[in-house]
Amino acid sequence: IFMSHYGMCIDWVHLVLTLASNSRTNWSFFTGFSVLNIIY
């Protein structure tokens, strides 16, 4: 379970880094992070 969750975190970080190339870096990051907080 821990490894699976860790893998998902890595994938999320990769996604954030990918979105970082956009002009809405902060907006995408905080919005996504808030969604994750709601889900988990």
PDB file of N, CA and C in Angstrom:
ATOM      1  N   ILE A   1       0.850  -1.198   0.000  1.00  0.00           N
ATOM      2  CA  ILE A   1       0.000   0.000   0.000  1.00  0.00           C
ATOM      3  C   ILE A   1       0.889   1.252   0.000  1.00  0.00           C
ATOM      4  N   PHE A   2       1.915   1.243   0.828  1.00  0.00           N
ATOM      5  CA  PHE A   2       2.799   2.405   0.915  1.00  0.00           C
ATOM      6  C   PHE A   2       3.498   2.656  -0.420  1.00  0.00           C
ATOM      7  N   MET A   3       4.013   1.574  -1.018  1.00  0.00           N
ATOM      8  CA  MET A   3       4.712   1.710  -2.290  1.00  0.00           C
ATOM      9  C   MET A   3       3.773   2.243  -3.361  1.00  0.00           C
ATOM     10  N   SER A   4       2.531   1.756  -3.361  1.00  0.00           N
ATOM     11  CA  SER A   4       1.559   2.196  -4.358  1.00  0.00           C
ATOM     12  C   SER A   4       1.271   3.685  -4.179  1.00  0.00           C
ATOM     13  N   HIS A   5       1.058   4.109  -2.944  1.00  0.00           N
ATOM     14  CA  HIS A   5       0.783   5.517  -2.664  1.00  0.00           C
ATOM     15  C   HIS A   5       1.992   6.370  -3.022  1.00  0.00           C
ATOM     16  N   TYR A   6       3.188   5.851  -2.735  1.00  0.00           N
ATOM     17  CA  TYR A   6       4.417   6.575  -3.047  1.00  0.00           C
ATOM     18  C   TYR A   6       4.538   6.762  -4.553  1.00  0.00           C
ATOM     19  N   GLY A   7       4.181   5.718  -5.298  1.00  0.00           N
ATOM     20  CA  GLY A   7       4.240   5.789  -6.755  1.00  0.00           C
ATOM     21  C   GLY A   7       3.287   6.846  -7.283  1.00  0.00           C
ATOM     22  N   MET A   8       2.096   6.915  -6.693  1.00  0.00           N
ATOM     23  CA  MET A   8       1.114   7.905  -7.120  1.00  0.00           C
ATOM     24  C   MET A   8       1.633   9.310  -6.841  1.00  0.00           C
ATOM     25  N   CYS A   9       2.318   9.486  -5.720  1.00  0.00           N
ATOM     26  CA  CYS A   9       2.874  10.796  -5.375  1.00  0.00           C
ATOM     27  C   CYS A   9       3.913  11.205  -6.408  1.00  0.00           C
ATOM     28  N   ILE A  10       4.754  10.255  -6.804  1.00  0.00           N
ATOM     29  CA  ILE A  10       5.782  10.534  -7.804  1.00  0.00           C
ATOM     30  C   ILE A  10       5.127  10.940  -9.121  1.00  0.00           C
ATOM     31  N   ASP A  11       4.068  10.210  -9.514  1.00  0.00           N
ATOM     32  CA  ASP A  11       3.364  10.532 -10.752  1.00  0.00           C
ATOM     33  C   ASP A  11       2.766  11.928 -10.664  1.00  0.00           C
ATOM     34  N   TRP A  12       2.221  12.288  -9.501  1.00  0.00           N
ATOM     35  CA  TRP A  12       1.616  13.611  -9.315  1.00  0.00           C
ATOM     36  C   TRP A  12       2.684  14.697  -9.427  1.00  0.00           C
ATOM     37  N   VAL A  13       3.858  14.448  -8.818  1.00  0.00           N
ATOM     38  CA  VAL A  13       4.955  15.423  -8.883  1.00  0.00           C
ATOM     39  C   VAL A  13       5.365  15.619 -10.332  1.00  0.00           C
ATOM     40  N   HIS A  14       5.444  14.514 -11.083  1.00  0.00           N
ATOM     41  CA  HIS A  14       5.806  14.591 -12.495  1.00  0.00           C
ATOM     42  C   HIS A  14       4.778  15.417 -13.256  1.00  0.00           C
ATOM     43  N   LEU A  15       3.499  15.219 -12.922  1.00  0.00           N
ATOM     44  CA  LEU A  15       2.422  15.962 -13.577  1.00  0.00           C
ATOM     45  C   LEU A  15       2.549  17.451 -13.268  1.00  0.00           C
ATOM     46  N   VAL A  16       2.833  17.773 -12.014  1.00  0.00           N
ATOM     47  CA  VAL A  16       2.988  19.178 -11.610  1.00  0.00           C
ATOM     48  C   VAL A  16       4.159  19.812 -12.348  1.00  0.00           C
ATOM     49  N   LEU A  17       5.271  19.067 -12.440  1.00  0.00           N
ATOM     50  CA  LEU A  17       6.443  19.593 -13.136  1.00  0.00           C
ATOM     51  C   LEU A  17       6.124  19.827 -14.604  1.00  0.00           C
ATOM     52  N   THR A  18       5.275  18.961 -15.175  1.00  0.00           N
ATOM     53  CA  THR A  18       4.884  19.123 -16.572  1.00  0.00           C
ATOM     54  C   THR A  18       4.034  20.381 -16.728  1.00  0.00           C
ATOM     55  N   LEU A  19       3.117  20.588 -15.782  1.00  0.00           N
ATOM     56  CA  LEU A  19       2.249  21.768 -15.829  1.00  0.00           C
ATOM     57  C   LEU A  19       3.039  23.042 -15.546  1.00  0.00           C
ATOM     58  N   ALA A  20       4.205  22.883 -14.934  1.00  0.00           N
ATOM     59  CA  ALA A  20       5.020  24.044 -14.573  1.00  0.00           C
ATOM     60  C   ALA A  20       5.429  24.845 -15.804  1.00  0.00           C
ATOM     61  N   SER A  21       5.384  24.215 -16.979  1.00  0.00           N
ATOM     62  CA  SER A  21       5.774  24.903 -18.204  1.00  0.00           C
ATOM     63  C   SER A  21       4.673  25.843 -18.683  1.00  0.00           C
ATOM     64  N   ASN A  22       3.488  25.723 -18.071  1.00  0.00           N
ATOM     65  CA  ASN A  22       2.375  26.591 -18.462  1.00  0.00           C
ATOM     66  C   ASN A  22       2.425  27.912 -17.699  1.00  0.00           C
ATOM     67  N   SER A  23       1.608  28.858 -18.113  1.00  0.00           N
ATOM     68  CA  SER A  23       1.591  30.166 -17.455  1.00  0.00           C
ATOM     69  C   SER A  23       0.799  30.130 -16.158  1.00  0.00           C
ATOM     70  N   ARG A  24      -0.006  29.067 -15.969  1.00  0.00           N
ATOM     71  CA  ARG A  24      -0.828  28.965 -14.761  1.00  0.00           C
ATOM     72  C   ARG A  24      -0.219  27.985 -13.764  1.00  0.00           C
ATOM     73  N   THR A  25       1.080  28.074 -13.572  1.00  0.00           N
ATOM     74  CA  THR A  25       1.766  27.126 -12.693  1.00  0.00           C
ATOM     75  C   THR A  25       1.157  27.112 -11.299  1.00  0.00           C
ATOM     76  N   ASN A  26       1.116  28.280 -10.663  1.00  0.00           N
ATOM     77  CA  ASN A  26       0.617  28.362  -9.291  1.00  0.00           C
ATOM     78  C   ASN A  26      -0.841  27.928  -9.209  1.00  0.00           C
ATOM     79  N   TRP A  27      -1.657  28.394 -10.159  1.00  0.00           N
ATOM     80  CA  TRP A  27      -3.083  28.067 -10.133  1.00  0.00           C
ATOM     81  C   TRP A  27      -3.284  26.562 -10.237  1.00  0.00           C
ATOM     82  N   SER A  28      -2.597  25.929 -11.198  1.00  0.00           N
ATOM     83  CA  SER A  28      -2.738  24.488 -11.398  1.00  0.00           C
ATOM     84  C   SER A  28      -2.251  23.727 -10.169  1.00  0.00           C
ATOM     85  N   PHE A  29      -1.124  24.169  -9.618  1.00  0.00           N
ATOM     86  CA  PHE A  29      -0.547  23.477  -8.471  1.00  0.00           C
ATOM     87  C   PHE A  29      -1.467  23.524  -7.259  1.00  0.00           C
ATOM     88  N   PHE A  30      -1.895  24.722  -6.886  1.00  0.00           N
ATOM     89  CA  PHE A  30      -2.731  24.854  -5.693  1.00  0.00           C
ATOM     90  C   PHE A  30      -4.089  24.203  -5.882  1.00  0.00           C
ATOM     91  N   THR A  31      -4.650  24.319  -7.086  1.00  0.00           N
ATOM     92  CA  THR A  31      -5.955  23.708  -7.345  1.00  0.00           C
ATOM     93  C   THR A  31      -5.843  22.189  -7.231  1.00  0.00           C
ATOM     94  N   GLY A  32      -4.832  21.615  -7.888  1.00  0.00           N
ATOM     95  CA  GLY A  32      -4.630  20.173  -7.849  1.00  0.00           C
ATOM     96  C   GLY A  32      -4.333  19.693  -6.439  1.00  0.00           C
ATOM     97  N   PHE A  33      -3.517  20.449  -5.713  1.00  0.00           N
ATOM     98  CA  PHE A  33      -3.157  20.063  -4.351  1.00  0.00           C
ATOM     99  C   PHE A  33      -4.389  20.074  -3.458  1.00  0.00           C
ATOM    100  N   SER A  34      -5.267  21.067  -3.659  1.00  0.00           N
ATOM    101  CA  SER A  34      -6.498  21.145  -2.870  1.00  0.00           C
ATOM    102  C   SER A  34      -7.384  19.945  -3.166  1.00  0.00           C
ATOM    103  N   VAL A  35      -7.449  19.563  -4.445  1.00  0.00           N
ATOM    104  CA  VAL A  35      -8.262  18.409  -4.838  1.00  0.00           C
ATOM    105  C   VAL A  35      -7.719  17.153  -4.166  1.00  0.00           C
ATOM    106  N   LEU A  36      -6.393  17.001  -4.152  1.00  0.00           N
ATOM    107  CA  LEU A  36      -5.787  15.831  -3.511  1.00  0.00           C
ATOM    108  C   LEU A  36      -6.115  15.813  -2.025  1.00  0.00           C
ATOM    109  N   ASN A  37      -6.075  16.979  -1.392  1.00  0.00           N
ATOM    110  CA  ASN A  37      -6.391  17.049   0.041  1.00  0.00           C
ATOM    111  C   ASN A  37      -7.824  16.624   0.288  1.00  0.00           C
ATOM    112  N   ILE A  38      -8.726  16.984  -0.625  1.00  0.00           N
ATOM    113  CA  ILE A  38     -10.133  16.609  -0.477  1.00  0.00           C
ATOM    114  C   ILE A  38     -10.294  15.098  -0.664  1.00  0.00           C
ATOM    115  N   ILE A  39      -9.599  14.552  -1.682  1.00  0.00           N
ATOM    116  CA  ILE A  39      -9.712  13.116  -1.974  1.00  0.00           C
ATOM    117  C   ILE A  39      -9.118  12.293  -0.831  1.00  0.00           C
ATOM    118  N   TYR A  40      -7.902  12.659  -0.409  1.00  0.00           N
ATOM    119  CA  TYR A  40      -7.240  11.892   0.639  1.00  0.00           C
ATOM    120  C   TYR A  40      -7.514  12.497   2.012  1.00  0.00           C
TER     121      TYR A  40
END
